[in-house]
Amino acid sequence: MPANNSPGADSDSSRLVGVTVLPEYIQFEGIDRVLDNLQSRAGATAVATSPYVMEVADEATGSREPPIDAGAGKVRLLDRPLWGKRELWMRTAPSSEPNAWLYEGLRYQAAEPDQLTDEHGHIVSDFLDAAKSRGLATYLQVQSAIPPGYRVQFGGPEEEDLPRLPDGRIPQNRVANNGSLASPHIVDYHVAMLKDLCEAYPQIDGIRVDWPEYPPYRLDSVFVDFSDFAHDAADEFGFDFETMRRDTQAVYDFLHNGLSNDHLQQYLSDPTAFSLAKFPGFLELGKFKAQLSLRLLQSFRHAIDEVAPHVKLAPAAFPPPWSNVSGMDPSVTNGPCSEIAVKLYSMHWAMMLNFYGEQILAANPALDETLLVKVMLHLLGIAKDVESPTLDQYRYPEPDQPHPGDDDLQIQKIRDAQTAAGDTPVHVLAHGYGPLEDVQRRLRIAAEASPHGFWVNRYCYLSDEKLDAIGLYGNRK
């Protein structure tokens, strides 16, 4: 049965309940069916979509839906089939004609519209109009540092604009194809894109920008950015680039050639004794990346203010402790933001722990795997008191497997992010992937963790029963 979303003693109409619906479902299910589901079942107060349209392609010419997440996410399947399929390949095109003069002289240009745009592009604007007429807040979701920016799997930066390790290498097999936040070419393109979208879609209330940071999905991604553009930015901000490079390389080398079981035991006995204070340049790297993220978000806010000052800037980013190394630290970057969505994507945490652990074990084969996993579970704030954990227990969950992560630790991540963000509202960004009972658990966590509400990503993983669960937990204080 659909959830009963009528206001009551346990409801709070000021809380946001948002759902991300990408355009392929608007095309396939139709505007009214999607909005009926969001309102009558999920009790949504907000909806986000993206500025593209799609058509079915083959494996050679399209990208997989759902995304494959560098191979680890190939187990994912759609809860809501598209054209009768739970996985498919798709080709996309922008949903509107770009304003060419905004991109004049830039390294990156807006994606070219084509026949797909001409035939179906209007549906995004039609959907936003219909949602607005029903009283829903309307958002567009785009990328922060991946040209052309309208969908995560498509596009990417040129080599000069990629972030680099302290030895100058480009990290391989990254999950997120973000460019360097220090690159003026990356920043200038996305500034132009945001202006373009605000003009093309005047009915939006906000823009959600994903990954205004250095996503640390793989271990090497923790140790960027030492690109030439970052060097220039460090000089501008007053950071000692060479000290950051030296100490970051030293920490990287320690993890790849110097970590012992004694170190792991020492951390488990007393985490406070295991300090990075002797590597101040590595600690400064986190502060430097936060300044890069802040400058990026300030540029976005300024761009939006030029054309649509009422539109909210709503970044989505990693929770603590990853925010300490990703750059999107709410204590620094909250200023330009109207609100912040912090991800509780626990299926990614399992994947990341596995990625990190395999790399560290390969570089330090004498390490005890159980000790290493225990340290990572504690250090990353995923779980406590796991008896004999192994890396095999922590990998991308199958569709019917619950996601790892202690409830109280997830709640604490959001509360810590809210404390850091001050008066800027922090919403939980929950994920709908996984079995119903576990999604219900994670929605309960989201409802408890933030007084401001939550988003759920995304409609493709939301069966009718999961939509009902959103309605249930979204109406709770």
Protein backbone atom coordinates (compact mmCIF):
# COMPACT_ATOMS: atom_id res chain seq x y z
CA MET A 1 0.00 0.00 0.00
CA PRO A 2 1.21 3.55 -0.62
CA ALA A 3 2.46 5.36 2.44
CA ASN A 4 0.08 7.60 4.34
CA ASN A 5 1.78 10.94 3.99
CA SER A 6 -0.88 13.18 5.47
CA PRO A 7 0.52 15.58 8.09
CA GLY A 8 0.21 14.33 11.62
CA ALA A 9 1.66 14.52 15.08
CA ASP A 10 4.85 12.77 13.99
CA SER A 11 5.38 14.73 10.76
CA ASP A 12 7.48 17.83 10.14
CA SER A 13 6.60 19.71 6.97
CA SER A 14 9.85 21.71 7.12
CA ARG A 15 11.97 18.59 6.57
CA LEU A 16 13.18 17.93 3.06
CA VAL A 17 12.38 14.55 1.49
CA GLY A 18 14.01 14.46 -1.93
CA VAL A 19 14.41 11.80 -4.61
CA THR A 20 16.79 11.86 -7.56
CA VAL A 21 15.03 10.79 -10.78
CA LEU A 22 17.24 10.66 -13.84
CA PRO A 23 15.61 11.49 -17.19
CA GLU A 24 15.46 7.97 -18.59
CA TYR A 25 12.66 7.18 -16.11
CA ILE A 26 10.77 10.32 -17.03
CA GLN A 27 11.03 9.21 -20.66
CA PHE A 28 10.05 5.60 -19.95
CA GLU A 29 7.44 5.82 -17.17
CA GLY A 30 6.09 9.25 -18.04
CA ILE A 31 5.93 12.49 -16.07
CA ASP A 32 2.67 11.86 -14.25
CA ARG A 33 3.48 8.32 -13.15
CA VAL A 34 6.84 9.36 -11.73
CA LEU A 35 5.41 12.34 -9.89
CA ASP A 36 2.46 10.31 -8.59
CA ASN A 37 4.92 7.78 -7.16
CA LEU A 38 7.06 10.50 -5.58
CA GLN A 39 4.11 12.20 -3.92
CA SER A 40 1.61 9.45 -3.06
CA ARG A 41 4.16 6.82 -2.08
CA ALA A 42 7.38 8.60 -1.10
CA GLY A 43 5.85 11.79 0.27
CA ALA A 44 8.58 13.72 -1.53
CA THR A 45 8.94 17.46 -1.09
CA ALA A 46 11.76 17.82 -3.62
CA VAL A 47 13.00 16.18 -6.80
CA ALA A 48 16.28 16.34 -8.70
CA THR A 49 16.95 15.37 -12.28
CA SER A 50 19.74 15.97 -14.80
CA PRO A 51 19.89 17.92 -18.08
CA TYR A 52 20.08 15.12 -20.62
CA VAL A 53 17.93 12.62 -22.49
CA MET A 54 18.80 9.10 -23.56
CA GLU A 55 18.16 6.28 -25.95
CA VAL A 56 18.98 2.59 -25.74
CA ALA A 57 22.34 1.67 -27.30
CA ASP A 58 24.51 -1.43 -27.47
CA GLU A 59 27.51 -2.31 -25.33
CA ALA A 60 29.94 -1.05 -27.97
CA THR A 61 28.43 2.42 -28.31
CA GLY A 62 26.75 3.09 -24.95
CA SER A 63 27.46 3.24 -21.24
CA ARG A 64 26.03 0.78 -18.76
CA GLU A 65 23.08 1.67 -16.61
CA PRO A 66 23.47 1.17 -13.67
CA PRO A 67 27.06 2.52 -13.59
CA ILE A 68 29.79 -0.07 -13.21
CA ASP A 69 31.94 1.90 -10.70
CA ALA A 70 35.35 0.86 -12.08
CA GLY A 71 34.20 -2.75 -12.34
CA ALA A 72 33.16 -3.16 -8.71
CA GLY A 73 29.58 -2.04 -9.33
CA LYS A 74 28.88 -4.50 -12.13
CA VAL A 75 26.79 -6.49 -9.65
CA ARG A 76 24.22 -3.69 -9.52
CA LEU A 77 20.87 -4.16 -11.24
CA LEU A 78 17.92 -1.84 -11.63
CA ASP A 79 14.97 -2.29 -9.27
CA ARG A 80 12.75 -0.48 -11.76
CA PRO A 81 13.37 -2.03 -15.21
CA LEU A 82 13.85 0.21 -18.22
CA TRP A 83 12.33 -1.09 -21.43
CA GLY A 84 12.04 -4.49 -19.76
CA LYS A 85 15.71 -4.69 -18.70
CA ARG A 86 17.48 -4.52 -15.34
CA GLU A 87 20.73 -3.53 -17.02
CA LEU A 88 21.18 -1.84 -20.37
CA TRP A 89 23.47 0.41 -22.35
CA MET A 90 22.47 3.92 -23.21
CA ARG A 91 23.52 6.90 -25.31
CA THR A 92 22.76 10.41 -24.12
CA ALA A 93 22.48 13.93 -25.46
CA PRO A 94 21.96 17.27 -23.70
CA SER A 95 18.33 18.18 -23.09
CA SER A 96 18.72 21.79 -24.20
CA GLU A 97 20.59 23.88 -26.74
CA PRO A 98 23.70 25.37 -25.07
CA ASN A 99 24.32 29.10 -25.10
CA ALA A 100 27.49 28.98 -27.21
CA TRP A 101 28.84 32.39 -26.25
CA LEU A 102 29.17 31.34 -22.61
CA TYR A 103 31.79 28.77 -23.67
CA GLU A 104 33.62 30.95 -26.18
CA GLY A 105 37.39 30.50 -25.90
CA LEU A 106 37.18 27.74 -23.28
CA ARG A 107 39.13 24.49 -23.49
CA TYR A 108 35.95 22.50 -22.80
CA GLN A 109 32.80 23.01 -24.79
CA ALA A 110 29.21 22.06 -24.06
CA ALA A 111 28.01 18.74 -25.44
CA GLU A 112 26.52 19.10 -28.89
CA PRO A 113 22.75 18.67 -29.13
CA ASP A 114 21.51 16.25 -31.77
CA GLN A 115 18.31 14.63 -33.00
CA LEU A 116 17.78 13.08 -29.56
CA THR A 117 17.78 16.59 -28.08
CA ASP A 118 15.36 17.85 -30.73
CA GLU A 119 12.91 14.98 -30.25
CA HIS A 120 12.99 14.43 -26.50
CA GLY A 121 14.91 17.26 -24.81
CA HIS A 122 11.74 19.14 -23.85
CA ILE A 123 10.77 16.40 -21.40
CA VAL A 124 13.22 17.63 -18.74
CA SER A 125 11.73 21.12 -18.75
CA ASP A 126 8.21 19.66 -18.88
CA PHE A 127 9.01 17.47 -15.87
CA LEU A 128 10.39 20.38 -13.86
CA ASP A 129 7.32 22.48 -14.71
CA ALA A 130 4.98 19.68 -13.65
CA ALA A 131 6.88 19.07 -10.41
CA LYS A 132 6.82 22.77 -9.62
CA SER A 133 3.08 22.95 -10.26
CA ARG A 134 2.58 20.15 -7.71
CA GLY A 135 4.49 22.07 -5.04
CA LEU A 136 7.76 20.14 -5.23
CA ALA A 137 11.12 21.91 -4.94
CA THR A 138 13.05 21.34 -8.16
CA TYR A 139 16.78 20.73 -8.53
CA LEU A 140 19.19 19.88 -11.32
CA GLN A 141 22.02 17.48 -10.50
CA VAL A 142 25.32 17.94 -12.37
CA GLN A 143 29.00 17.19 -11.93
CA SER A 144 31.49 19.66 -10.45
CA ALA A 145 34.68 18.73 -12.28
CA ILE A 146 33.92 16.30 -15.13
CA PRO A 147 33.22 18.11 -18.43
CA PRO A 148 30.61 18.15 -19.95
CA GLY A 149 29.14 17.60 -16.50
CA TYR A 150 25.56 16.50 -17.04
CA ARG A 151 26.05 12.82 -16.18
CA VAL A 152 28.81 11.16 -14.21
CA GLN A 153 29.76 8.44 -16.71
CA PHE A 154 30.19 10.70 -19.73
CA GLY A 155 33.20 12.87 -20.51
CA GLY A 156 36.27 13.73 -18.54
CA PRO A 157 39.27 16.05 -18.43
CA GLU A 158 42.30 16.22 -20.68
CA GLU A 159 45.59 14.91 -19.29
CA GLU A 160 46.93 18.36 -18.33
CA ASP A 161 43.87 18.90 -16.13
CA LEU A 162 44.11 15.63 -14.20
CA PRO A 163 45.15 15.52 -10.53
CA ARG A 164 48.52 13.94 -9.82
CA LEU A 165 50.38 12.07 -7.10
CA PRO A 166 53.41 13.63 -5.39
CA ASP A 167 55.75 11.80 -7.78
CA GLY A 168 53.86 13.23 -10.77
CA ARG A 169 51.96 10.08 -11.71
CA ILE A 170 48.30 10.11 -12.65
CA PRO A 171 46.32 7.64 -10.49
CA GLN A 172 45.05 4.72 -12.53
CA ASN A 173 41.64 3.05 -12.67
CA ARG A 174 39.91 5.85 -10.78
CA VAL A 175 36.22 5.50 -10.02
CA ALA A 176 35.54 9.24 -10.36
CA ASN A 177 37.00 10.90 -13.45
CA ASN A 178 37.27 14.31 -11.79
CA GLY A 179 39.69 16.90 -13.03
CA SER A 180 41.98 18.93 -10.82
CA LEU A 181 40.03 21.52 -8.85
CA ALA A 182 43.05 23.79 -9.36
CA SER A 183 42.69 23.77 -13.14
CA PRO A 184 41.22 27.05 -14.41
CA HIS A 185 39.97 25.15 -17.46
CA ILE A 186 37.88 22.83 -15.27
CA VAL A 187 36.55 25.71 -13.16
CA ASP A 188 35.78 28.01 -16.11
CA TYR A 189 33.86 25.32 -17.96
CA HIS A 190 31.65 24.42 -15.03
CA VAL A 191 31.00 28.08 -14.23
CA ALA A 192 29.77 28.53 -17.80
CA MET A 193 27.67 25.36 -17.55
CA LEU A 194 25.91 26.54 -14.38
CA LYS A 195 25.05 29.89 -15.93
CA ASP A 196 23.78 28.07 -19.02
CA LEU A 197 21.57 25.73 -17.00
CA CYS A 198 20.12 28.51 -14.84
CA GLU A 199 19.10 30.38 -18.00
CA ALA A 200 17.77 27.26 -19.75
CA TYR A 201 15.75 26.08 -16.71
CA PRO A 202 14.40 29.15 -14.89
CA GLN A 203 11.96 26.96 -12.93
CA ILE A 204 14.66 25.30 -10.80
CA ASP A 205 15.05 26.06 -7.10
CA GLY A 206 18.53 24.63 -6.74
CA ILE A 207 21.51 22.97 -8.37
CA ARG A 208 23.09 19.93 -6.76
CA VAL A 209 26.77 19.73 -7.70
CA ASP A 210 28.34 16.33 -7.15
CA TRP A 211 31.96 15.78 -6.11
CA PRO A 212 33.26 19.34 -5.62
CA GLU A 213 36.25 17.52 -4.16
CA TYR A 214 38.81 14.79 -4.87
CA PRO A 215 36.74 11.60 -4.43
CA PRO A 216 38.92 9.13 -2.47
CA TYR A 217 37.47 5.90 -3.83
CA ARG A 218 40.91 4.40 -4.34
CA LEU A 219 43.90 4.77 -2.06
CA ASP A 220 46.00 6.70 -4.58
CA SER A 221 43.25 9.31 -4.89
CA VAL A 222 43.84 10.25 -1.23
CA PHE A 223 47.33 11.50 -2.15
CA VAL A 224 46.55 13.99 -4.94
CA ASP A 225 46.80 16.94 -5.96
CA PHE A 226 50.33 17.72 -7.12
CA SER A 227 49.54 18.88 -10.63
CA ASP A 228 51.17 21.97 -12.10
CA PHE A 229 47.93 23.87 -11.61
CA ALA A 230 47.88 22.81 -7.96
CA HIS A 231 51.44 24.09 -7.56
CA ASP A 232 50.31 27.49 -8.83
CA ALA A 233 47.32 27.48 -6.49
CA ALA A 234 49.46 26.50 -3.49
CA ASP A 235 51.72 29.48 -4.13
CA GLU A 236 48.67 31.72 -4.42
CA PHE A 237 47.13 30.42 -1.17
CA GLY A 238 50.43 30.47 0.74
CA PHE A 239 50.92 26.70 1.14
CA ASP A 240 54.40 25.18 1.05
CA PHE A 241 54.01 22.90 -1.96
CA GLU A 242 57.35 21.14 -1.62
CA THR A 243 56.75 20.31 2.05
CA MET A 244 53.31 18.95 1.17
CA ARG A 245 54.87 16.90 -1.62
CA ARG A 246 57.68 15.56 0.58
CA ASP A 247 55.50 14.57 3.52
CA THR A 248 52.71 13.17 1.37
CA GLN A 249 55.21 10.98 -0.47
CA ALA A 250 56.61 9.86 2.89
CA VAL A 251 53.14 8.77 4.11
CA TYR A 252 52.49 7.06 0.77
CA ASP A 253 55.82 5.21 1.00
CA PHE A 254 55.11 4.19 4.60
CA LEU A 255 51.79 2.62 3.62
CA HIS A 256 53.42 0.86 0.67
CA ASN A 257 56.70 -0.26 2.17
CA GLY A 258 56.86 0.35 5.91
CA LEU A 259 53.60 -0.72 7.55
CA SER A 260 53.97 -3.57 10.03
CA ASN A 261 51.72 -5.65 12.27
CA ASP A 262 53.24 -3.81 15.23
CA HIS A 263 51.93 -0.54 13.81
CA LEU A 264 48.45 -2.06 13.43
CA GLN A 265 48.48 -3.45 16.97
CA GLN A 266 49.65 -0.10 18.31
CA TYR A 267 46.76 1.67 16.60
CA LEU A 268 44.19 -0.81 17.92
CA SER A 269 45.56 -0.44 21.45
CA ASP A 270 45.66 3.35 21.36
CA PRO A 271 44.56 5.19 18.20
CA THR A 272 45.70 8.52 19.66
CA ALA A 273 49.30 7.28 19.78
CA PHE A 274 49.32 6.71 16.01
CA SER A 275 49.87 10.30 14.90
CA LEU A 276 50.61 11.95 11.57
CA ALA A 277 52.02 15.00 13.35
CA LYS A 278 55.52 14.20 12.08
CA PHE A 279 54.16 14.62 8.54
CA PRO A 280 52.74 18.16 8.76
CA GLY A 281 52.86 18.58 4.98
CA PHE A 282 50.42 15.70 4.54
CA LEU A 283 48.04 17.29 7.03
CA GLU A 284 48.40 20.58 5.16
CA LEU A 285 47.41 18.80 1.93
CA GLY A 286 43.92 18.26 3.34
CA LYS A 287 43.63 21.96 4.21
CA PHE A 288 44.93 22.89 0.76
CA LYS A 289 42.33 20.74 -0.98
CA ALA A 290 39.63 22.32 1.19
CA GLN A 291 40.72 25.73 -0.07
CA LEU A 292 40.54 24.49 -3.67
CA SER A 293 37.03 23.17 -3.04
CA LEU A 294 36.03 26.44 -1.39
CA ARG A 295 37.29 28.47 -4.34
CA LEU A 296 35.43 26.20 -6.74
CA LEU A 297 32.17 26.57 -4.81
CA GLN A 298 32.64 30.33 -4.50
CA SER A 299 33.04 30.49 -8.27
CA PHE A 300 29.83 28.49 -8.67
CA ARG A 301 27.93 30.72 -6.26
CA HIS A 302 29.11 33.85 -8.06
CA ALA A 303 28.12 32.40 -11.44
CA ILE A 304 24.63 31.49 -10.23
CA ASP A 305 24.18 34.91 -8.61
CA GLU A 306 24.86 36.60 -11.95
CA VAL A 307 21.85 34.99 -13.60
CA ALA A 308 19.58 33.44 -10.93
CA PRO A 309 20.47 34.53 -7.38
CA HIS A 310 17.45 32.71 -5.91
CA VAL A 311 18.83 29.32 -7.00
CA LYS A 312 20.37 27.29 -4.18
CA LEU A 313 23.88 25.82 -4.45
CA ALA A 314 23.70 22.35 -2.89
CA PRO A 315 26.90 20.29 -3.10
CA ALA A 316 26.93 16.55 -2.42
CA ALA A 317 30.06 15.13 -0.88
CA PHE A 318 31.72 12.44 1.23
CA PRO A 319 31.16 12.17 4.99
CA PRO A 320 33.88 12.35 7.64
CA PRO A 321 36.59 11.11 7.80
CA TRP A 322 36.88 11.06 3.99
CA SER A 323 35.99 14.77 3.91
CA ASN A 324 39.32 15.42 5.66
CA VAL A 325 41.18 14.26 2.56
CA SER A 326 38.65 14.89 -0.23
CA GLY A 327 38.58 18.68 0.16
CA MET A 328 34.83 19.07 0.78
CA ASP A 329 35.23 19.91 4.46
CA PRO A 330 31.98 21.53 5.67
CA SER A 331 33.87 23.59 8.26
CA VAL A 332 35.67 25.38 5.41
CA THR A 333 33.39 25.09 2.38
CA ASN A 334 29.99 25.87 3.89
CA GLY A 335 30.08 29.59 3.12
CA PRO A 336 28.88 29.58 -0.52
CA CYS A 337 26.47 26.68 0.05
CA SER A 338 22.75 26.99 0.70
CA GLU A 339 22.72 23.41 1.96
CA ILE A 340 25.00 20.37 1.89
CA ALA A 341 24.14 16.74 1.19
CA VAL A 342 26.45 14.23 2.88
CA LYS A 343 26.51 10.76 1.39
CA LEU A 344 25.85 7.64 3.42
CA TYR A 345 26.68 5.37 0.49
CA SER A 346 27.68 2.35 2.54
CA MET A 347 27.97 0.05 -0.49
CA HIS A 348 30.83 2.31 -1.62
CA TRP A 349 32.46 2.11 1.80
CA ALA A 350 32.74 -1.65 1.48
CA MET A 351 34.19 -1.26 -2.02
CA MET A 352 36.66 1.39 -0.86
CA LEU A 353 37.83 -0.62 2.13
CA ASN A 354 38.45 -3.54 -0.22
CA PHE A 355 40.34 -1.34 -2.70
CA TYR A 356 42.50 0.19 0.04
CA GLY A 357 43.16 -3.12 1.75
CA GLU A 358 44.15 -5.02 -1.37
CA GLN A 359 46.62 -2.32 -2.35
CA ILE A 360 48.19 -2.13 1.12
CA LEU A 361 48.43 -5.92 1.47
CA ALA A 362 50.02 -6.25 -1.96
CA ALA A 363 52.68 -3.73 -0.92
CA ASN A 364 53.14 -5.23 2.57
CA PRO A 365 52.60 -9.00 2.18
CA ALA A 366 53.62 -9.80 5.77
CA LEU A 367 50.65 -7.90 7.19
CA ASP A 368 47.94 -9.75 9.04
CA GLU A 369 44.77 -9.18 7.00
CA THR A 370 42.43 -9.30 9.97
CA LEU A 371 44.44 -6.68 11.84
CA LEU A 372 44.51 -4.45 8.78
CA VAL A 373 40.75 -4.68 8.24
CA LYS A 374 40.07 -3.98 11.92
CA VAL A 375 42.20 -0.84 11.72
CA MET A 376 40.47 0.36 8.56
CA LEU A 377 37.00 -0.30 9.97
CA HIS A 378 37.86 1.85 12.98
CA LEU A 379 39.79 4.53 11.10
CA LEU A 380 37.02 4.98 8.50
CA GLY A 381 34.22 4.84 11.05
CA ILE A 382 32.43 1.91 9.41
CA ALA A 383 32.03 -0.66 12.20
CA LYS A 384 33.14 -1.56 15.71
CA ASP A 385 33.78 -4.89 17.38
CA VAL A 386 33.91 -7.07 14.27
CA GLU A 387 35.48 -10.30 15.50
CA SER A 388 37.62 -11.57 12.60
CA PRO A 389 36.99 -9.38 9.56
CA THR A 390 38.45 -10.15 6.15
CA LEU A 391 38.63 -8.18 2.93
CA ASP A 392 36.32 -10.68 1.29
CA GLN A 393 33.56 -9.55 3.68
CA TYR A 394 33.95 -5.99 2.41
CA ARG A 395 33.34 -5.62 -1.28
CA TYR A 396 30.57 -4.19 -3.40
CA PRO A 397 27.36 -5.84 -2.08
CA GLU A 398 25.18 -7.90 -4.39
CA PRO A 399 21.63 -6.56 -4.86
CA ASP A 400 20.28 -8.87 -2.14
CA GLN A 401 23.07 -8.25 0.42
CA PRO A 402 22.75 -5.75 3.29
CA HIS A 403 25.36 -3.00 3.42
CA PRO A 404 27.98 -2.88 6.16
CA GLY A 405 28.14 -0.07 8.67
CA ASP A 406 27.06 0.42 12.27
CA ASP A 407 23.94 2.55 12.63
CA ASP A 408 25.35 4.79 15.36
CA LEU A 409 28.54 5.47 13.42
CA GLN A 410 26.57 6.55 10.37
CA ILE A 411 24.42 8.87 12.45
CA GLN A 412 27.54 10.33 14.05
CA LYS A 413 29.06 11.10 10.63
CA ILE A 414 26.08 13.30 9.78
CA ARG A 415 26.06 14.99 13.17
CA ASP A 416 29.79 15.69 12.88
CA ALA A 417 29.24 17.14 9.40
CA GLN A 418 26.43 19.35 10.72
CA THR A 419 28.61 20.59 13.57
CA ALA A 420 31.32 21.46 11.05
CA ALA A 421 28.82 23.16 8.71
CA GLY A 422 27.46 25.46 11.40
CA ASP A 423 24.19 27.06 10.35
CA THR A 424 24.25 25.56 6.84
CA PRO A 425 21.70 22.70 6.75
CA VAL A 426 23.16 19.25 6.20
CA HIS A 427 20.90 16.68 4.55
CA VAL A 428 21.62 12.99 4.45
CA LEU A 429 22.10 11.63 0.94
CA ALA A 430 20.93 8.03 1.30
CA HIS A 431 21.04 5.35 -1.39
CA GLY A 432 18.24 3.09 -2.53
CA TYR A 433 20.42 0.20 -3.73
CA GLY A 434 20.07 -3.05 -1.82
CA PRO A 435 17.41 -5.29 -0.26
CA LEU A 436 14.23 -3.72 1.08
CA GLU A 437 14.87 -4.44 4.77
CA ASP A 438 18.33 -2.89 4.60
CA VAL A 439 17.07 0.16 2.71
CA GLN A 440 14.46 0.60 5.44
CA ARG A 441 17.24 0.47 8.04
CA ARG A 442 19.24 3.10 6.16
CA LEU A 443 16.21 5.35 5.76
CA ARG A 444 15.63 5.15 9.50
CA ILE A 445 19.26 6.19 10.00
CA ALA A 446 18.80 9.10 7.58
CA ALA A 447 15.64 10.26 9.34
CA GLU A 448 17.32 10.14 12.73
CA ALA A 449 20.64 11.66 11.69
CA SER A 450 19.50 15.00 10.29
CA PRO A 451 16.71 17.30 11.48
CA HIS A 452 16.74 18.90 8.03
CA GLY A 453 15.74 15.79 6.08
CA PHE A 454 17.25 13.60 3.40
CA TRP A 455 17.65 12.86 -0.27
CA VAL A 456 17.47 9.35 -1.74
CA ASN A 457 19.58 8.41 -4.72
CA ARG A 458 18.06 7.21 -6.97
CA TYR A 459 14.67 6.29 -8.46
CA CYS A 460 16.05 3.40 -10.51
CA TYR A 461 16.69 1.42 -7.28
CA LEU A 462 13.35 2.30 -5.69
CA SER A 463 10.72 -0.40 -5.95
CA ASP A 464 7.22 0.62 -4.91
CA GLU A 465 7.90 -0.89 -1.48
CA LYS A 466 11.02 1.25 -1.09
CA LEU A 467 9.07 4.33 -2.14
CA ASP A 468 6.56 3.51 0.60
CA ALA A 469 9.44 3.27 3.09
CA ILE A 470 10.63 6.74 2.12
CA GLY A 471 7.15 8.03 2.85
CA LEU A 472 7.17 6.34 6.23
CA TYR A 473 10.54 7.61 7.42
CA GLY A 474 10.35 10.98 5.70
CA ASN A 475 7.35 11.91 7.83
CA ARG A 476 9.11 11.17 11.10
CA LYS A 477 10.71 13.84 13.22
